[in-house]
Protein backbone atom coordinates (compact mmCIF):
# COMPACT_ATOMS: atom_id res chain seq x y z
CA MET A 1 30.69 -0.83 -44.60
CA ARG A 2 32.57 -2.36 -47.51
CA ALA A 3 35.54 -3.31 -45.31
CA MET A 4 33.28 -5.18 -42.88
CA GLU A 5 31.77 -7.16 -45.75
CA THR A 6 35.25 -8.18 -46.87
CA ILE A 7 36.23 -9.33 -43.38
CA SER A 8 32.95 -11.17 -42.76
CA ASN A 9 33.36 -13.08 -46.04
CA LEU A 10 36.95 -14.04 -45.27
CA ASP A 11 37.86 -17.74 -45.35
CA TYR A 12 39.49 -17.62 -41.90
CA PRO A 13 41.24 -21.03 -41.93
CA SER A 14 42.85 -20.38 -45.32
CA TYR A 15 43.74 -16.81 -44.40
CA LEU A 16 45.46 -17.90 -41.18
CA LYS A 17 47.17 -20.86 -42.85
CA ASP A 18 48.74 -18.49 -45.36
CA TRP A 19 50.52 -16.77 -42.45
CA ILE A 20 52.13 -19.98 -41.12
CA ARG A 21 55.65 -20.56 -42.39
CA THR A 22 56.93 -24.09 -43.06
CA VAL A 23 60.56 -24.69 -42.12
CA PRO A 24 61.80 -27.98 -43.60
CA ASP A 25 64.15 -30.26 -41.68
CA TRP A 26 63.86 -28.45 -38.36
CA PRO A 27 64.62 -29.43 -35.64
CA SER A 28 65.78 -32.59 -37.40
CA PRO A 29 65.84 -33.98 -40.95
CA GLY A 30 62.43 -34.97 -42.29
CA VAL A 31 60.42 -32.74 -39.93
CA MET A 32 58.34 -29.96 -41.50
CA PHE A 33 58.16 -27.39 -38.69
CA ARG A 34 55.15 -25.06 -38.78
CA ASP A 35 56.21 -21.63 -37.56
CA ILE A 36 53.40 -19.37 -36.35
CA THR A 37 55.58 -16.32 -35.62
CA PRO A 38 54.56 -14.54 -38.88
CA LEU A 39 50.90 -14.97 -37.86
CA LEU A 40 51.59 -13.59 -34.38
CA GLN A 41 53.57 -10.63 -35.74
CA ASN A 42 50.64 -9.37 -37.80
CA PRO A 43 48.05 -7.70 -35.55
CA LYS A 44 45.14 -8.53 -37.88
CA THR A 45 45.92 -12.24 -38.10
CA PHE A 46 46.62 -12.49 -34.38
CA ARG A 47 43.29 -10.76 -33.59
CA ILE A 48 41.39 -13.04 -35.98
CA LEU A 49 42.98 -16.14 -34.40
CA ILE A 50 42.08 -15.03 -30.87
CA ASP A 51 38.56 -13.98 -31.91
CA ILE A 52 37.93 -17.43 -33.42
CA TYR A 53 38.78 -19.07 -30.09
CA VAL A 54 36.83 -16.54 -28.03
CA HIS A 55 33.69 -16.84 -30.17
CA ARG A 56 33.97 -20.64 -30.05
CA TYR A 57 33.99 -20.73 -26.23
CA MET A 58 32.21 -17.56 -25.05
CA GLN A 59 28.85 -19.34 -24.62
CA GLU A 60 30.38 -22.46 -23.06
CA LYS A 61 31.06 -23.19 -19.38
CA VAL A 62 34.83 -22.79 -19.29
CA ASP A 63 36.68 -22.63 -15.98
CA LEU A 64 40.28 -22.55 -17.21
CA ILE A 65 42.40 -22.34 -20.32
CA ALA A 66 45.50 -24.54 -20.28
CA GLY A 67 48.31 -23.71 -22.69
CA LEU A 68 51.04 -26.09 -23.79
CA ASP A 69 54.66 -24.94 -23.59
CA ALA A 70 55.48 -22.66 -25.22
CA ARG A 71 53.40 -21.32 -28.09
CA GLY A 72 50.22 -22.46 -26.35
CA PHE A 73 51.11 -19.93 -23.64
CA ILE A 74 50.90 -17.09 -26.15
CA ILE A 75 47.51 -18.00 -27.54
CA GLY A 76 46.05 -19.57 -24.40
CA SER A 77 46.81 -16.71 -22.04
CA VAL A 78 45.20 -14.16 -24.38
CA VAL A 79 42.12 -16.36 -24.82
CA ALA A 80 41.88 -16.82 -21.03
CA HIS A 81 42.08 -13.06 -20.57
CA GLU A 82 39.38 -12.44 -23.19
CA LEU A 83 37.08 -15.07 -21.62
CA ASN A 84 37.82 -13.79 -18.10
CA VAL A 85 38.96 -17.21 -16.85
CA GLY A 86 42.19 -18.47 -15.32
CA PHE A 87 45.21 -19.75 -17.24
CA VAL A 88 47.19 -22.93 -16.49
CA PRO A 89 50.65 -23.39 -18.00
CA ILE A 90 51.55 -26.93 -19.01
CA ARG A 91 55.34 -26.91 -19.16
CA LYS A 92 58.25 -29.01 -20.25
CA LYS A 93 59.68 -31.24 -17.51
CA GLY A 94 61.58 -29.48 -14.73
CA LYS A 95 60.25 -25.94 -15.33
CA LEU A 96 57.56 -25.72 -12.63
CA PRO A 97 58.53 -24.96 -9.00
CA PHE A 98 55.69 -26.71 -7.14
CA THR A 99 54.47 -30.32 -6.89
CA THR A 100 53.60 -31.57 -10.38
CA ILE A 101 52.01 -34.38 -12.28
CA GLN A 102 53.69 -35.42 -15.48
CA GLU A 103 53.10 -37.33 -18.67
CA GLU A 104 55.58 -38.56 -21.26
CA TYR A 105 54.70 -38.49 -24.95
CA GLU A 106 56.24 -39.08 -28.34
CA LEU A 107 57.16 -36.38 -30.83
CA GLU A 108 57.84 -36.94 -34.50
CA TYR A 109 61.53 -36.54 -33.57
CA GLY A 110 61.80 -38.09 -30.07
CA ASN A 111 60.18 -38.22 -26.62
CA ALA A 112 59.32 -35.48 -24.15
CA THR A 113 57.52 -34.95 -20.86
CA VAL A 114 55.03 -32.26 -19.85
CA GLU A 115 54.05 -31.24 -16.34
CA MET A 116 51.48 -29.14 -14.56
CA HIS A 117 51.00 -28.22 -10.92
CA THR A 118 48.90 -30.69 -8.98
CA ASP A 119 46.60 -27.89 -7.83
CA ALA A 120 46.20 -26.26 -11.26
CA CYS A 121 42.65 -27.49 -11.65
CA LYS A 122 40.13 -29.47 -9.66
CA PRO A 123 37.73 -32.30 -10.49
CA GLY A 124 34.79 -31.04 -12.50
CA ASP A 125 36.62 -28.06 -13.99
CA CYS A 126 36.00 -27.52 -17.68
CA VAL A 127 39.45 -26.90 -19.14
CA VAL A 128 40.13 -25.88 -22.73
CA LEU A 129 43.55 -27.11 -23.85
CA ILE A 130 45.34 -24.89 -26.38
CA ASP A 131 48.49 -25.46 -28.39
CA ASP A 132 49.59 -23.69 -31.53
CA LEU A 133 49.47 -26.55 -34.04
CA ILE A 134 48.99 -30.28 -33.86
CA ALA A 135 51.58 -32.43 -35.64
CA THR A 136 51.20 -35.95 -34.25
CA GLY A 137 48.85 -35.01 -31.40
CA GLY A 138 51.27 -36.47 -28.84
CA THR A 139 51.48 -33.37 -26.68
CA MET A 140 47.70 -32.93 -26.63
CA MET A 141 47.14 -36.58 -25.77
CA ALA A 142 49.64 -36.34 -22.88
């Protein structure tokens, strides 16, 4: 019972943040890259992260989870599985084989384009969009 009390009293945001590594000047000078691989490598932190998402959306009407290339695939596909809904990959330009729609956006170190299949979702679908971290918000806005 003591272990459950410790976990239930855990400051989840701080705990997860402690597992995110900062890599200065990557991929270019001045950028502070937030690397989530240490968080994903630890089964406890990965489970806590997924559980936070699942508990947030389990009572909501969610039709699909969309994950942004590429770390959003890792988190988003697991959340979709746990919620028993479909998963939509939103990829970097030129990676999807079917008809796509695309949107260009700005990064802190340049421009990029994301695409998804035109039939990935339909009007009225409730789609939860997941990425790993938000730097400028450009990818999410696209």
